[in-house]
PDB file of N, CA and C in Angstrom:
ATOM      1  N   MET A   1      44.101  74.265 111.351  1.00  0.00           N
ATOM      2  CA  MET A   1      43.374  75.034 112.337  1.00  0.00           C
ATOM      3  C   MET A   1      43.293  74.240 113.633  1.00  0.00           C
ATOM      4  N   GLN A   2      43.589  74.903 114.738  1.00  0.00           N
ATOM      5  CA  GLN A   2      43.548  74.238 116.034  1.00  0.00           C
ATOM      6  C   GLN A   2      42.107  74.189 116.534  1.00  0.00           C
ATOM      7  N   THR A   3      41.703  73.030 117.014  1.00  0.00           N
ATOM      8  CA  THR A   3      40.365  72.923 117.584  1.00  0.00           C
ATOM      9  C   THR A   3      40.469  72.953 119.097  1.00  0.00           C
ATOM     10  N   PHE A   4      39.424  73.426 119.717  1.00  0.00           N
ATOM     11  CA  PHE A   4      39.393  73.531 121.162  1.00  0.00           C
ATOM     12  C   PHE A   4      38.731  72.285 121.732  1.00  0.00           C
ATOM     13  N   PRO A   5      39.258  71.699 122.791  1.00  0.00           N
ATOM     14  CA  PRO A   5      38.677  70.481 123.350  1.00  0.00           C
ATOM     15  C   PRO A   5      37.208  70.668 123.709  1.00  0.00           C
ATOM     16  N   ALA A   6      36.384  69.697 123.368  1.00  0.00           N
ATOM     17  CA  ALA A   6      34.937  69.773 123.601  1.00  0.00           C
ATOM     18  C   ALA A   6      34.612  69.957 125.074  1.00  0.00           C
ATOM     19  N   GLU A   7      35.382  69.335 125.957  1.00  0.00           N
ATOM     20  CA  GLU A   7      35.081  69.458 127.384  1.00  0.00           C
ATOM     21  C   GLU A   7      35.268  70.885 127.898  1.00  0.00           C
ATOM     22  N   MET A   8      36.095  71.671 127.226  1.00  0.00           N
ATOM     23  CA  MET A   8      36.286  73.071 127.618  1.00  0.00           C
ATOM     24  C   MET A   8      35.141  73.939 127.120  1.00  0.00           C
ATOM     25  N   ALA A   9      34.564  73.592 125.988  1.00  0.00           N
ATOM     26  CA  ALA A   9      33.507  74.404 125.392  1.00  0.00           C
ATOM     27  C   ALA A   9      32.255  74.430 126.255  1.00  0.00           C
ATOM     28  N   ASP A  10      32.013  73.378 127.009  1.00  0.00           N
ATOM     29  CA  ASP A  10      30.814  73.294 127.833  1.00  0.00           C
ATOM     30  C   ASP A  10      30.949  73.999 129.175  1.00  0.00           C
ATOM     31  N   ARG A  11      32.151  74.309 129.580  1.00  0.00           N
ATOM     32  CA  ARG A  11      32.344  74.933 130.885  1.00  0.00           C
ATOM     33  C   ARG A  11      32.112  76.433 130.795  1.00  0.00           C
ATOM     34  N   PRO A  12      31.455  77.007 131.788  1.00  0.00           N
ATOM     35  CA  PRO A  12      31.278  78.453 131.787  1.00  0.00           C
ATOM     36  C   PRO A  12      32.615  79.120 132.079  1.00  0.00           C
ATOM     37  N   PRO A  13      32.803  80.339 131.606  1.00  0.00           N
ATOM     38  CA  PRO A  13      34.055  81.024 131.917  1.00  0.00           C
ATOM     39  C   PRO A  13      34.116  81.308 133.410  1.00  0.00           C
ATOM     40  N   SER A  14      35.281  81.233 133.961  1.00  0.00           N
ATOM     41  CA  SER A  14      35.444  81.565 135.367  1.00  0.00           C
ATOM     42  C   SER A  14      36.845  82.090 135.574  1.00  0.00           C
ATOM     43  N   PRO A  15      37.008  82.973 136.534  1.00  0.00           N
ATOM     44  CA  PRO A  15      38.351  83.480 136.806  1.00  0.00           C
ATOM     45  C   PRO A  15      39.263  82.350 137.257  1.00  0.00           C
ATOM     46  N   PRO A  16      40.564  82.545 137.137  1.00  0.00           N
ATOM     47  CA  PRO A  16      41.492  81.519 137.601  1.00  0.00           C
ATOM     48  C   PRO A  16      41.254  81.214 139.077  1.00  0.00           C
ATOM     49  N   PRO A  17      41.603  80.027 139.502  1.00  0.00           N
ATOM     50  CA  PRO A  17      41.389  79.682 140.904  1.00  0.00           C
ATOM     51  C   PRO A  17      42.180  80.602 141.823  1.00  0.00           C
ATOM     52  N   LEU A  18      41.667  80.780 143.036  1.00  0.00           N
ATOM     53  CA  LEU A  18      42.372  81.624 143.998  1.00  0.00           C
ATOM     54  C   LEU A  18      43.683  80.996 144.426  1.00  0.00           C
ATOM     55  N   GLU A  19      43.713  79.691 144.465  1.00  0.00           N
ATOM     56  CA  GLU A  19      44.937  78.987 144.816  1.00  0.00           C
ATOM     57  C   GLU A  19      45.252  78.021 143.688  1.00  0.00           C
ATOM     58  N   ALA A  20      46.410  78.140 143.114  1.00  0.00           N
ATOM     59  CA  ALA A  20      46.808  77.254 142.026  1.00  0.00           C
ATOM     60  C   ALA A  20      48.199  76.723 142.323  1.00  0.00           C
ATOM     61  N   ASP A  21      48.313  75.438 142.428  1.00  0.00           N
ATOM     62  CA  ASP A  21      49.592  74.809 142.733  1.00  0.00           C
ATOM     63  C   ASP A  21      50.239  75.425 143.968  1.00  0.00           C
ATOM     64  N   GLY A  22      49.393  75.763 144.955  1.00  0.00           N
ATOM     65  CA  GLY A  22      49.913  76.316 146.202  1.00  0.00           C
ATOM     66  C   GLY A  22      50.263  77.790 146.124  1.00  0.00           C
ATOM     67  N   VAL A  23      50.040  78.425 144.984  1.00  0.00           N
ATOM     68  CA  VAL A  23      50.366  79.838 144.824  1.00  0.00           C
ATOM     69  C   VAL A  23      49.073  80.639 144.939  1.00  0.00           C
ATOM     70  N   HIS A  24      49.041  81.556 145.880  1.00  0.00           N
ATOM     71  CA  HIS A  24      47.855  82.377 146.114  1.00  0.00           C
ATOM     72  C   HIS A  24      48.018  83.701 145.366  1.00  0.00           C
ATOM     73  N   ASP A  25      46.992  84.121 144.641  1.00  0.00           N
ATOM     74  CA  ASP A  25      47.046  85.373 143.886  1.00  0.00           C
ATOM     75  C   ASP A  25      46.178  86.419 144.586  1.00  0.00           C
ATOM     76  N   PRO A  26      46.774  87.333 145.343  1.00  0.00           N
ATOM     77  CA  PRO A  26      45.986  88.328 146.070  1.00  0.00           C
ATOM     78  C   PRO A  26      45.246  89.286 145.151  1.00  0.00           C
ATOM     79  N   GLU A  27      45.712  89.466 143.922  1.00  0.00           N
ATOM     80  CA  GLU A  27      45.020  90.349 142.983  1.00  0.00           C
ATOM     81  C   GLU A  27      43.616  89.828 142.682  1.00  0.00           C
ATOM     82  N   VAL A  28      43.467  88.525 142.603  1.00  0.00           N
ATOM     83  CA  VAL A  28      42.153  87.938 142.352  1.00  0.00           C
ATOM     84  C   VAL A  28      41.247  88.216 143.545  1.00  0.00           C
ATOM     85  N   ASP A  29      41.776  88.047 144.752  1.00  0.00           N
ATOM     86  CA  ASP A  29      41.000  88.351 145.961  1.00  0.00           C
ATOM     87  C   ASP A  29      40.560  89.808 145.987  1.00  0.00           C
ATOM     88  N   ASN A  30      41.473  90.707 145.668  1.00  0.00           N
ATOM     89  CA  ASN A  30      41.198  92.137 145.726  1.00  0.00           C
ATOM     90  C   ASN A  30      40.137  92.573 144.727  1.00  0.00           C
ATOM     91  N   HIS A  31      39.982  91.827 143.657  1.00  0.00           N
ATOM     92  CA  HIS A  31      39.063  92.216 142.586  1.00  0.00           C
ATOM     93  C   HIS A  31      37.964  91.194 142.352  1.00  0.00           C
ATOM     94  N   ARG A  32      37.653  90.372 143.339  1.00  0.00           N
ATOM     95  CA  ARG A  32      36.700  89.281 143.134  1.00  0.00           C
ATOM     96  C   ARG A  32      35.335  89.783 142.650  1.00  0.00           C
ATOM     97  N   GLU A  33      34.781  90.824 143.272  1.00  0.00           N
ATOM     98  CA  GLU A  33      33.458  91.323 142.866  1.00  0.00           C
ATOM     99  C   GLU A  33      33.492  91.845 141.430  1.00  0.00           C
ATOM    100  N   ALA A  34      34.538  92.610 141.098  1.00  0.00           N
ATOM    101  CA  ALA A  34      34.680  93.139 139.742  1.00  0.00           C
ATOM    102  C   ALA A  34      34.915  92.005 138.741  1.00  0.00           C
ATOM    103  N   LEU A  35      35.698  90.999 139.123  1.00  0.00           N
ATOM    104  CA  LEU A  35      35.951  89.859 138.233  1.00  0.00           C
ATOM    105  C   LEU A  35      34.663  89.119 137.913  1.00  0.00           C
ATOM    106  N   ASP A  36      33.838  88.907 138.923  1.00  0.00           N
ATOM    107  CA  ASP A  36      32.571  88.221 138.687  1.00  0.00           C
ATOM    108  C   ASP A  36      31.695  89.030 137.730  1.00  0.00           C
ATOM    109  N   ALA A  37      31.663  90.348 137.924  1.00  0.00           N
ATOM    110  CA  ALA A  37      30.872  91.218 137.042  1.00  0.00           C
ATOM    111  C   ALA A  37      31.448  91.204 135.627  1.00  0.00           C
ATOM    112  N   TYR A  38      32.770  91.249 135.515  1.00  0.00           N
ATOM    113  CA  TYR A  38      33.435  91.245 134.204  1.00  0.00           C
ATOM    114  C   TYR A  38      33.157  89.951 133.450  1.00  0.00           C
ATOM    115  N   MET A  39      33.302  88.825 134.138  1.00  0.00           N
ATOM    116  CA  MET A  39      33.109  87.541 133.479  1.00  0.00           C
ATOM    117  C   MET A  39      31.668  87.392 132.986  1.00  0.00           C
ATOM    118  N   ALA A  40      30.725  87.995 133.702  1.00  0.00           N
ATOM    119  CA  ALA A  40      29.317  87.917 133.301  1.00  0.00           C
ATOM    120  C   ALA A  40      29.040  88.727 132.038  1.00  0.00           C
ATOM    121  N   THR A  41      29.918  89.686 131.713  1.00  0.00           N
ATOM    122  CA  THR A  41      29.700  90.527 130.538  1.00  0.00           C
ATOM    123  C   THR A  41      30.328  89.966 129.265  1.00  0.00           C
ATOM    124  N   LEU A  42      31.137  88.923 129.377  1.00  0.00           N
ATOM    125  CA  LEU A  42      31.849  88.406 128.206  1.00  0.00           C
ATOM    126  C   LEU A  42      30.891  87.759 127.201  1.00  0.00           C
ATOM    127  N   SER A  43      31.145  88.033 125.926  1.00  0.00           N
ATOM    128  CA  SER A  43      30.399  87.363 124.867  1.00  0.00           C
ATOM    129  C   SER A  43      30.923  85.928 124.762  1.00  0.00           C
ATOM    130  N   GLU A  44      30.243  85.113 123.971  1.00  0.00           N
ATOM    131  CA  GLU A  44      30.706  83.727 123.787  1.00  0.00           C
ATOM    132  C   GLU A  44      32.116  83.709 123.213  1.00  0.00           C
ATOM    133  N   GLU A  45      32.372  84.585 122.260  1.00  0.00           N
ATOM    134  CA  GLU A  45      33.700  84.643 121.633  1.00  0.00           C
ATOM    135  C   GLU A  45      34.763  85.064 122.649  1.00  0.00           C
ATOM    136  N   GLN A  46      34.446  86.064 123.455  1.00  0.00           N
ATOM    137  CA  GLN A  46      35.394  86.522 124.467  1.00  0.00           C
ATOM    138  C   GLN A  46      35.636  85.443 125.521  1.00  0.00           C
ATOM    139  N   ALA A  47      34.573  84.740 125.907  1.00  0.00           N
ATOM    140  CA  ALA A  47      34.713  83.669 126.885  1.00  0.00           C
ATOM    141  C   ALA A  47      35.602  82.556 126.338  1.00  0.00           C
ATOM    142  N   LEU A  48      35.430  82.230 125.072  1.00  0.00           N
ATOM    143  CA  LEU A  48      36.257  81.204 124.451  1.00  0.00           C
ATOM    144  C   LEU A  48      37.714  81.661 124.393  1.00  0.00           C
ATOM    145  N   THR A  49      37.929  82.927 124.067  1.00  0.00           N
ATOM    146  CA  THR A  49      39.285  83.476 124.042  1.00  0.00           C
ATOM    147  C   THR A  49      39.927  83.374 125.418  1.00  0.00           C
ATOM    148  N   TYR A  50      39.158  83.709 126.448  1.00  0.00           N
ATOM    149  CA  TYR A  50      39.652  83.592 127.820  1.00  0.00           C
ATOM    150  C   TYR A  50      40.039  82.145 128.128  1.00  0.00           C
ATOM    151  N   LYS A  51      39.178  81.201 127.772  1.00  0.00           N
ATOM    152  CA  LYS A  51      39.451  79.791 128.048  1.00  0.00           C
ATOM    153  C   LYS A  51      40.718  79.324 127.345  1.00  0.00           C
ATOM    154  N   ILE A  52      40.885  79.749 126.101  1.00  0.00           N
ATOM    155  CA  ILE A  52      42.077  79.360 125.338  1.00  0.00           C
ATOM    156  C   ILE A  52      43.329  79.942 125.982  1.00  0.00           C
ATOM    157  N   ALA A  53      43.277  81.227 126.321  1.00  0.00           N
ATOM    158  CA  ALA A  53      44.436  81.869 126.948  1.00  0.00           C
ATOM    159  C   ALA A  53      44.799  81.170 128.247  1.00  0.00           C
ATOM    160  N   TYR A  54      43.794  80.899 129.062  1.00  0.00           N
ATOM    161  CA  TYR A  54      44.071  80.268 130.345  1.00  0.00           C
ATOM    162  C   TYR A  54      44.553  78.829 130.173  1.00  0.00           C
ATOM    163  N   SER A  55      43.987  78.102 129.193  1.00  0.00           N
ATOM    164  CA  SER A  55      44.418  76.711 129.006  1.00  0.00           C
ATOM    165  C   SER A  55      45.832  76.640 128.424  1.00  0.00           C
ATOM    166  N   CYS A  56      46.187  77.593 127.560  1.00  0.00           N
ATOM    167  CA  CYS A  56      47.527  77.576 126.946  1.00  0.00           C
ATOM    168  C   CYS A  56      48.600  78.134 127.884  1.00  0.00           C
ATOM    169  N   LEU A  57      48.266  79.197 128.586  1.00  0.00           N
ATOM    170  CA  LEU A  57      49.263  79.876 129.417  1.00  0.00           C
ATOM    171  C   LEU A  57      49.222  79.435 130.871  1.00  0.00           C
ATOM    172  N   GLY A  58      48.157  78.745 131.238  1.00  0.00           N
ATOM    173  CA  GLY A  58      48.051  78.256 132.611  1.00  0.00           C
ATOM    174  C   GLY A  58      48.042  79.382 133.618  1.00  0.00           C
ATOM    175  N   HIS A  59      48.748  79.186 134.692  1.00  0.00           N
ATOM    176  CA  HIS A  59      48.717  80.140 135.791  1.00  0.00           C
ATOM    177  C   HIS A  59      49.577  81.374 135.531  1.00  0.00           C
ATOM    178  N   SER A  60      50.274  81.401 134.402  1.00  0.00           N
ATOM    179  CA  SER A  60      51.001  82.623 134.066  1.00  0.00           C
ATOM    180  C   SER A  60      50.057  83.662 133.454  1.00  0.00           C
ATOM    181  N   TYR A  61      48.847  83.242 133.075  1.00  0.00           N
ATOM    182  CA  TYR A  61      47.835  84.174 132.574  1.00  0.00           C
ATOM    183  C   TYR A  61      47.005  84.669 133.754  1.00  0.00           C
ATOM    184  N   THR A  62      46.971  85.975 133.909  1.00  0.00           N
ATOM    185  CA  THR A  62      46.191  86.573 134.993  1.00  0.00           C
ATOM    186  C   THR A  62      45.193  87.536 134.383  1.00  0.00           C
ATOM    187  N   VAL A  63      43.924  87.204 134.474  1.00  0.00           N
ATOM    188  CA  VAL A  63      42.873  88.016 133.875  1.00  0.00           C
ATOM    189  C   VAL A  63      42.850  89.418 134.475  1.00  0.00           C
ATOM    190  N   VAL A  64      43.246  89.568 135.730  1.00  0.00           N
ATOM    191  CA  VAL A  64      43.209  90.892 136.356  1.00  0.00           C
ATOM    192  C   VAL A  64      44.247  91.847 135.763  1.00  0.00           C
ATOM    193  N   ARG A  65      45.154  91.337 134.946  1.00  0.00           N
ATOM    194  CA  ARG A  65      46.132  92.202 134.268  1.00  0.00           C
ATOM    195  C   ARG A  65      45.830  92.349 132.780  1.00  0.00           C
ATOM    196  N   SER A  66      44.725  91.750 132.331  1.00  0.00           N
ATOM    197  CA  SER A  66      44.391  91.839 130.911  1.00  0.00           C
ATOM    198  C   SER A  66      43.850  93.223 130.581  1.00  0.00           C
ATOM    199  N   GLN A  67      44.043  93.653 129.351  1.00  0.00           N
ATOM    200  CA  GLN A  67      43.577  94.973 128.926  1.00  0.00           C
ATOM    201  C   GLN A  67      42.068  95.091 129.046  1.00  0.00           C
ATOM    202  N   GLY A  68      41.359  94.036 128.692  1.00  0.00           N
ATOM    203  CA  GLY A  68      39.902  94.056 128.766  1.00  0.00           C
ATOM    204  C   GLY A  68      39.410  94.249 130.188  1.00  0.00           C
ATOM    205  N   PHE A  69      40.007  93.519 131.136  1.00  0.00           N
ATOM    206  CA  PHE A  69      39.582  93.651 132.527  1.00  0.00           C
ATOM    207  C   PHE A  69      39.959  95.016 133.081  1.00  0.00           C
ATOM    208  N   LEU A  70      41.139  95.510 132.764  1.00  0.00           N
ATOM    209  CA  LEU A  70      41.564  96.813 133.289  1.00  0.00           C
ATOM    210  C   LEU A  70      40.652  97.931 132.799  1.00  0.00           C
ATOM    211  N   ALA A  71      40.238  97.864 131.523  1.00  0.00           N
ATOM    212  CA  ALA A  71      39.303  98.856 130.984  1.00  0.00           C
ATOM    213  C   ALA A  71      37.946  98.730 131.687  1.00  0.00           C
ATOM    214  N   PHE A  72      37.486  97.490 131.873  1.00  0.00           N
ATOM    215  CA  PHE A  72      36.223  97.249 132.573  1.00  0.00           C
ATOM    216  C   PHE A  72      36.300  97.771 134.005  1.00  0.00           C
ATOM    217  N   LEU A  73      37.409  97.534 134.675  1.00  0.00           N
ATOM    218  CA  LEU A  73      37.577  97.922 136.069  1.00  0.00           C
ATOM    219  C   LEU A  73      37.462  99.437 136.249  1.00  0.00           C
ATOM    220  N   LYS A  74      38.053 100.197 135.328  1.00  0.00           N
ATOM    221  CA  LYS A  74      37.950 101.661 135.415  1.00  0.00           C
ATOM    222  C   LYS A  74      36.492 102.106 135.370  1.00  0.00           C
ATOM    223  N   LYS A  75      35.738 101.578 134.416  1.00  0.00           N
ATOM    224  CA  LYS A  75      34.321 101.932 134.293  1.00  0.00           C
ATOM    225  C   LYS A  75      33.538 101.443 135.502  1.00  0.00           C
ATOM    226  N   TRP A  76      33.824 100.234 135.945  1.00  0.00           N
ATOM    227  CA  TRP A  76      33.109  99.629 137.058  1.00  0.00           C
ATOM    228  C   TRP A  76      33.335 100.419 138.345  1.00  0.00           C
ATOM    229  N   GLU A  77      34.581 100.840 138.581  1.00  0.00           N
ATOM    230  CA  GLU A  77      34.888 101.613 139.785  1.00  0.00           C
ATOM    231  C   GLU A  77      34.182 102.967 139.767  1.00  0.00           C
ATOM    232  N   LYS A  78      34.100 103.609 138.592  1.00  0.00           N
ATOM    233  CA  LYS A  78      33.376 104.874 138.488  1.00  0.00           C
ATOM    234  C   LYS A  78      31.900 104.679 138.810  1.00  0.00           C
ATOM    235  N   THR A  79      31.337 103.586 138.313  1.00  0.00           N
ATOM    236  CA  THR A  79      29.929 103.276 138.571  1.00  0.00           C
ATOM    237  C   THR A  79      29.707 103.040 140.056  1.00  0.00           C
ATOM    238  N   LYS A  80      30.617 102.293 140.688  1.00  0.00           N
ATOM    239  CA  LYS A  80      30.485 101.997 142.120  1.00  0.00           C
ATOM    240  C   LYS A  80      30.580 103.274 142.949  1.00  0.00           C
ATOM    241  N   LYS A  81      31.457 104.207 142.554  1.00  0.00           N
ATOM    242  CA  LYS A  81      31.601 105.467 143.284  1.00  0.00           C
ATOM    243  C   LYS A  81      30.366 106.342 143.117  1.00  0.00           C
ATOM    244  N   ALA A  82      29.737 106.240 141.950  1.00  0.00           N
ATOM    245  CA  ALA A  82      28.573 107.069 141.662  1.00  0.00           C
ATOM    246  C   ALA A  82      27.316 106.582 142.371  1.00  0.00           C
ATOM    247  N   GLU A  83      27.272 105.298 142.732  1.00  0.00           N
ATOM    248  CA  GLU A  83      26.109 104.750 143.423  1.00  0.00           C
ATOM    249  C   GLU A  83      26.082 105.265 144.850  1.00  0.00           C
ATOM    250  N   PRO A  84      24.902 105.626 145.344  1.00  0.00           N
ATOM    251  CA  PRO A  84      24.818 106.054 146.741  1.00  0.00           C
ATOM    252  C   PRO A  84      25.157 104.895 147.672  1.00  0.00           C
ATOM    253  N   ALA A  85      25.734 105.214 148.798  1.00  0.00           N
ATOM    254  CA  ALA A  85      26.102 104.174 149.767  1.00  0.00           C
ATOM    255  C   ALA A  85      24.853 103.441 150.237  1.00  0.00           C
ATOM    256  N   ALA A  86      24.990 102.165 150.468  1.00  0.00           N
ATOM    257  CA  ALA A  86      23.851 101.351 150.910  1.00  0.00           C
ATOM    258  C   ALA A  86      23.350 101.880 152.262  1.00  0.00           C
ATOM    259  N   GLY A  87      22.066 102.101 152.347  1.00  0.00           N
ATOM    260  CA  GLY A  87      21.472 102.575 153.576  1.00  0.00           C
ATOM    261  C   GLY A  87      21.546 104.080 153.760  1.00  0.00           C
ATOM    262  N   ALA A  88      22.161 104.777 152.819  1.00  0.00           N
ATOM    263  CA  ALA A  88      22.266 106.230 152.917  1.00  0.00           C
ATOM    264  C   ALA A  88      20.932 106.871 152.585  1.00  0.00           C
ATOM    265  N   LYS A  89      20.616 107.934 153.296  1.00  0.00           N
ATOM    266  CA  LYS A  89      19.359 108.640 153.027  1.00  0.00           C
ATOM    267  C   LYS A  89      19.572 109.596 151.862  1.00  0.00           C
ATOM    268  N   GLU A  90      18.538 109.680 151.033  1.00  0.00           N
ATOM    269  CA  GLU A  90      18.627 110.567 149.868  1.00  0.00           C
ATOM    270  C   GLU A  90      17.950 111.875 150.152  1.00  0.00           C
TER     271      GLU A  90
END
């Protein structure tokens, strides 16, 4: 059984960096608010899975293309559309 490094277990989950090895990922920029909301919803098990995927696959793993994030994004966008605009009179 593979064990996960202890130093990774203590770190909170976070989306991949915006700039990695000089490569900028505009998808992360475009979805930053949704990514932050998505990462906050992950269970401990899901967060660990994310950490493992990112540590094993490195920058070839993009959370914004994962099935979990795409499903979350659809629901999140519907919620955002349903909310009244800030400052709008009711």
